[in-house]
Amino acid sequence: MTVVSSVVQAFAPTGTLRASINLGNPILANRDASTGEPVGVSIDLARALAERLGLPLELMVFDKAAQSVDAVKNGA
């Protein structure tokens, strides 16, 4: 399946896919105890989408969902 350029533009207008990761639900995302890197299903999905779209990925990691919502509202 070919990814349409309008889809890439909609998801990543800057050329980088930015994914907001909320660490508030450890089933979806948390930090690796030894490396401190974010891990989990949310991160795996973000990486898979970026790869599928052929884009670099920037993870924006927040401790709480409210912080993620605020960042989106403020255009972060």
N, C-alpha and C. Protein backbone atom coordinates (compact mmCIF):
# COMPACT_ATOMS: atom_id res chain seq x y z
N MET A 1 0.84 -1.18 0.00
CA MET A 1 0.00 0.00 0.00
C MET A 1 0.89 1.24 0.00
N THR A 2 0.59 2.18 -0.87
CA THR A 2 1.35 3.41 -0.98
C THR A 2 0.76 4.46 -0.04
N VAL A 3 1.65 5.17 0.65
CA VAL A 3 1.21 6.25 1.52
C VAL A 3 1.06 7.50 0.67
N VAL A 4 -0.11 8.11 0.72
CA VAL A 4 -0.40 9.31 -0.05
C VAL A 4 0.27 10.50 0.62
N SER A 5 0.86 11.38 -0.19
CA SER A 5 1.59 12.53 0.36
C SER A 5 0.69 13.43 1.20
N SER A 6 -0.59 13.51 0.88
CA SER A 6 -1.49 14.35 1.68
C SER A 6 -1.66 13.78 3.10
N VAL A 7 -1.57 12.46 3.23
CA VAL A 7 -1.64 11.84 4.56
C VAL A 7 -0.39 12.19 5.35
N VAL A 8 0.77 12.08 4.71
CA VAL A 8 2.03 12.44 5.37
C VAL A 8 1.98 13.90 5.80
N GLN A 9 1.52 14.77 4.93
CA GLN A 9 1.44 16.21 5.24
C GLN A 9 0.49 16.46 6.40
N ALA A 10 -0.61 15.74 6.47
CA ALA A 10 -1.58 15.93 7.55
C ALA A 10 -1.02 15.48 8.89
N PHE A 11 -0.30 14.37 8.90
CA PHE A 11 0.25 13.85 10.15
C PHE A 11 1.53 14.55 10.57
N ALA A 12 2.28 15.06 9.60
CA ALA A 12 3.59 15.63 9.91
C ALA A 12 3.88 16.83 9.01
N PRO A 13 3.20 17.95 9.25
CA PRO A 13 3.40 19.11 8.38
C PRO A 13 4.82 19.66 8.41
N THR A 14 5.58 19.35 9.47
CA THR A 14 6.96 19.83 9.57
C THR A 14 7.95 18.83 8.98
N GLY A 15 7.47 17.66 8.58
CA GLY A 15 8.35 16.63 8.06
C GLY A 15 8.81 15.65 9.12
N THR A 16 8.39 15.85 10.36
CA THR A 16 8.70 14.95 11.47
C THR A 16 7.39 14.58 12.16
N LEU A 17 7.20 13.30 12.39
CA LEU A 17 6.02 12.86 13.14
C LEU A 17 6.29 13.08 14.62
N ARG A 18 5.45 13.87 15.25
CA ARG A 18 5.59 14.15 16.68
C ARG A 18 4.50 13.39 17.41
N ALA A 19 4.91 12.55 18.36
CA ALA A 19 3.96 11.72 19.11
C ALA A 19 3.99 12.12 20.57
N SER A 20 2.83 12.46 21.10
CA SER A 20 2.69 12.79 22.51
C SER A 20 2.51 11.50 23.30
N ILE A 21 3.42 11.26 24.23
CA ILE A 21 3.41 10.03 25.03
C ILE A 21 3.10 10.39 26.47
N ASN A 22 2.04 9.79 27.00
CA ASN A 22 1.58 10.04 28.36
C ASN A 22 2.01 8.86 29.24
N LEU A 23 2.88 9.13 30.19
CA LEU A 23 3.37 8.07 31.08
C LEU A 23 2.40 7.77 32.23
N GLY A 24 1.24 8.42 32.24
CA GLY A 24 0.27 8.23 33.31
C GLY A 24 -0.36 6.85 33.34
N ASN A 25 -0.33 6.14 32.23
CA ASN A 25 -0.88 4.79 32.16
C ASN A 25 0.27 3.83 31.83
N PRO A 26 0.85 3.18 32.83
CA PRO A 26 2.03 2.34 32.59
C PRO A 26 1.78 1.13 31.70
N ILE A 27 0.53 0.79 31.46
CA ILE A 27 0.24 -0.31 30.54
C ILE A 27 0.56 0.13 29.11
N LEU A 28 0.36 1.41 28.81
CA LEU A 28 0.60 1.93 27.47
C LEU A 28 2.01 2.45 27.28
N ALA A 29 2.57 3.09 28.31
CA ALA A 29 3.91 3.67 28.19
C ALA A 29 4.51 3.87 29.57
N ASN A 30 5.79 3.62 29.67
CA ASN A 30 6.53 3.89 30.90
C ASN A 30 7.99 4.05 30.54
N ARG A 31 8.83 4.21 31.54
CA ARG A 31 10.27 4.35 31.29
C ARG A 31 10.98 3.04 31.64
N ASP A 32 11.90 2.65 30.79
CA ASP A 32 12.73 1.49 31.06
C ASP A 32 13.54 1.76 32.33
N ALA A 33 13.50 0.84 33.27
CA ALA A 33 14.15 1.03 34.56
C ALA A 33 15.66 1.22 34.44
N SER A 34 16.29 0.59 33.47
CA SER A 34 17.74 0.69 33.37
C SER A 34 18.22 1.83 32.48
N THR A 35 17.44 2.18 31.46
CA THR A 35 17.89 3.23 30.52
C THR A 35 17.16 4.55 30.68
N GLY A 36 15.96 4.51 31.26
CA GLY A 36 15.15 5.72 31.37
C GLY A 36 14.43 6.08 30.08
N GLU A 37 14.65 5.29 29.04
CA GLU A 37 14.00 5.54 27.75
C GLU A 37 12.52 5.14 27.82
N PRO A 38 11.66 5.89 27.12
CA PRO A 38 10.25 5.50 27.09
C PRO A 38 10.07 4.20 26.31
N VAL A 39 9.23 3.32 26.85
CA VAL A 39 8.94 2.03 26.23
C VAL A 39 7.45 1.73 26.38
N GLY A 40 6.96 0.83 25.58
CA GLY A 40 5.58 0.40 25.70
C GLY A 40 4.85 0.42 24.38
N VAL A 41 3.61 0.02 24.43
CA VAL A 41 2.82 -0.14 23.21
C VAL A 41 2.62 1.20 22.49
N SER A 42 2.44 2.29 23.21
CA SER A 42 2.27 3.60 22.57
C SER A 42 3.51 3.98 21.77
N ILE A 43 4.67 3.72 22.35
CA ILE A 43 5.92 4.04 21.67
C ILE A 43 6.09 3.13 20.45
N ASP A 44 5.78 1.85 20.61
CA ASP A 44 5.87 0.91 19.48
C ASP A 44 4.96 1.34 18.33
N LEU A 45 3.75 1.77 18.65
CA LEU A 45 2.81 2.22 17.61
C LEU A 45 3.31 3.48 16.93
N ALA A 46 3.83 4.42 17.70
CA ALA A 46 4.37 5.66 17.13
C ALA A 46 5.53 5.35 16.19
N ARG A 47 6.41 4.47 16.61
CA ARG A 47 7.56 4.10 15.76
C ARG A 47 7.09 3.41 14.48
N ALA A 48 6.11 2.53 14.60
CA ALA A 48 5.60 1.82 13.43
C ALA A 48 4.95 2.80 12.45
N LEU A 49 4.19 3.76 12.96
CA LEU A 49 3.55 4.74 12.09
C LEU A 49 4.60 5.60 11.39
N ALA A 50 5.59 6.06 12.14
CA ALA A 50 6.66 6.88 11.54
C ALA A 50 7.38 6.10 10.44
N GLU A 51 7.66 4.84 10.71
CA GLU A 51 8.33 4.01 9.71
C GLU A 51 7.46 3.84 8.48
N ARG A 52 6.19 3.58 8.69
CA ARG A 52 5.25 3.39 7.58
C ARG A 52 5.13 4.65 6.72
N LEU A 53 5.17 5.82 7.39
CA LEU A 53 5.07 7.09 6.67
C LEU A 53 6.42 7.54 6.11
N GLY A 54 7.50 6.86 6.51
CA GLY A 54 8.83 7.24 6.05
C GLY A 54 9.32 8.53 6.66
N LEU A 55 8.97 8.73 7.94
CA LEU A 55 9.30 9.99 8.62
C LEU A 55 10.15 9.74 9.86
N PRO A 56 10.95 10.74 10.24
CA PRO A 56 11.60 10.66 11.55
C PRO A 56 10.54 10.86 12.63
N LEU A 57 10.84 10.34 13.82
CA LEU A 57 9.90 10.41 14.93
C LEU A 57 10.47 11.24 16.07
N GLU A 58 9.67 12.14 16.60
CA GLU A 58 10.01 12.88 17.81
C GLU A 58 8.99 12.53 18.88
N LEU A 59 9.46 11.89 19.95
CA LEU A 59 8.58 11.57 21.07
C LEU A 59 8.54 12.75 22.02
N MET A 60 7.34 13.17 22.36
CA MET A 60 7.14 14.22 23.35
C MET A 60 6.54 13.53 24.56
N VAL A 61 7.35 13.35 25.60
CA VAL A 61 6.98 12.52 26.73
C VAL A 61 6.51 13.38 27.90
N PHE A 62 5.34 13.03 28.44
CA PHE A 62 4.74 13.76 29.56
C PHE A 62 4.39 12.78 30.67
N ASP A 63 4.50 13.25 31.90
CA ASP A 63 4.18 12.41 33.05
C ASP A 63 2.67 12.21 33.22
N LYS A 64 1.88 13.20 32.81
CA LYS A 64 0.43 13.15 33.01
C LYS A 64 -0.29 13.53 31.73
N ALA A 65 -1.49 12.99 31.56
CA ALA A 65 -2.29 13.29 30.38
C ALA A 65 -2.57 14.77 30.25
N ALA A 66 -2.83 15.44 31.36
CA ALA A 66 -3.14 16.87 31.33
C ALA A 66 -1.99 17.67 30.74
N GLN A 67 -0.76 17.26 31.00
CA GLN A 67 0.40 17.95 30.44
C GLN A 67 0.44 17.80 28.92
N SER A 68 0.08 16.65 28.45
CA SER A 68 0.03 16.39 27.02
C SER A 68 -1.04 17.26 26.36
N VAL A 69 -2.21 17.33 26.97
CA VAL A 69 -3.30 18.15 26.44
C VAL A 69 -2.89 19.62 26.42
N ASP A 70 -2.27 20.09 27.49
CA ASP A 70 -1.81 21.48 27.54
C ASP A 70 -0.80 21.78 26.44
N ALA A 71 0.10 20.85 26.19
CA ALA A 71 1.10 21.05 25.15
C ALA A 71 0.44 21.18 23.78
N VAL A 72 -0.55 20.36 23.51
CA VAL A 72 -1.27 20.45 22.24
C VAL A 72 -2.00 21.79 22.14
N LYS A 73 -2.66 22.19 23.21
CA LYS A 73 -3.38 23.46 23.21
C LYS A 73 -2.45 24.64 22.97
N ASN A 74 -1.23 24.54 23.49
CA ASN A 74 -0.26 25.63 23.38
C ASN A 74 0.61 25.53 22.14
N GLY A 75 0.32 24.56 21.29
CA GLY A 75 1.04 24.43 20.03
C GLY A 75 2.46 23.91 20.17
N ALA A 76 2.72 23.17 21.23
CA ALA A 76 4.09 22.65 21.45
C ALA A 76 4.44 21.58 20.45
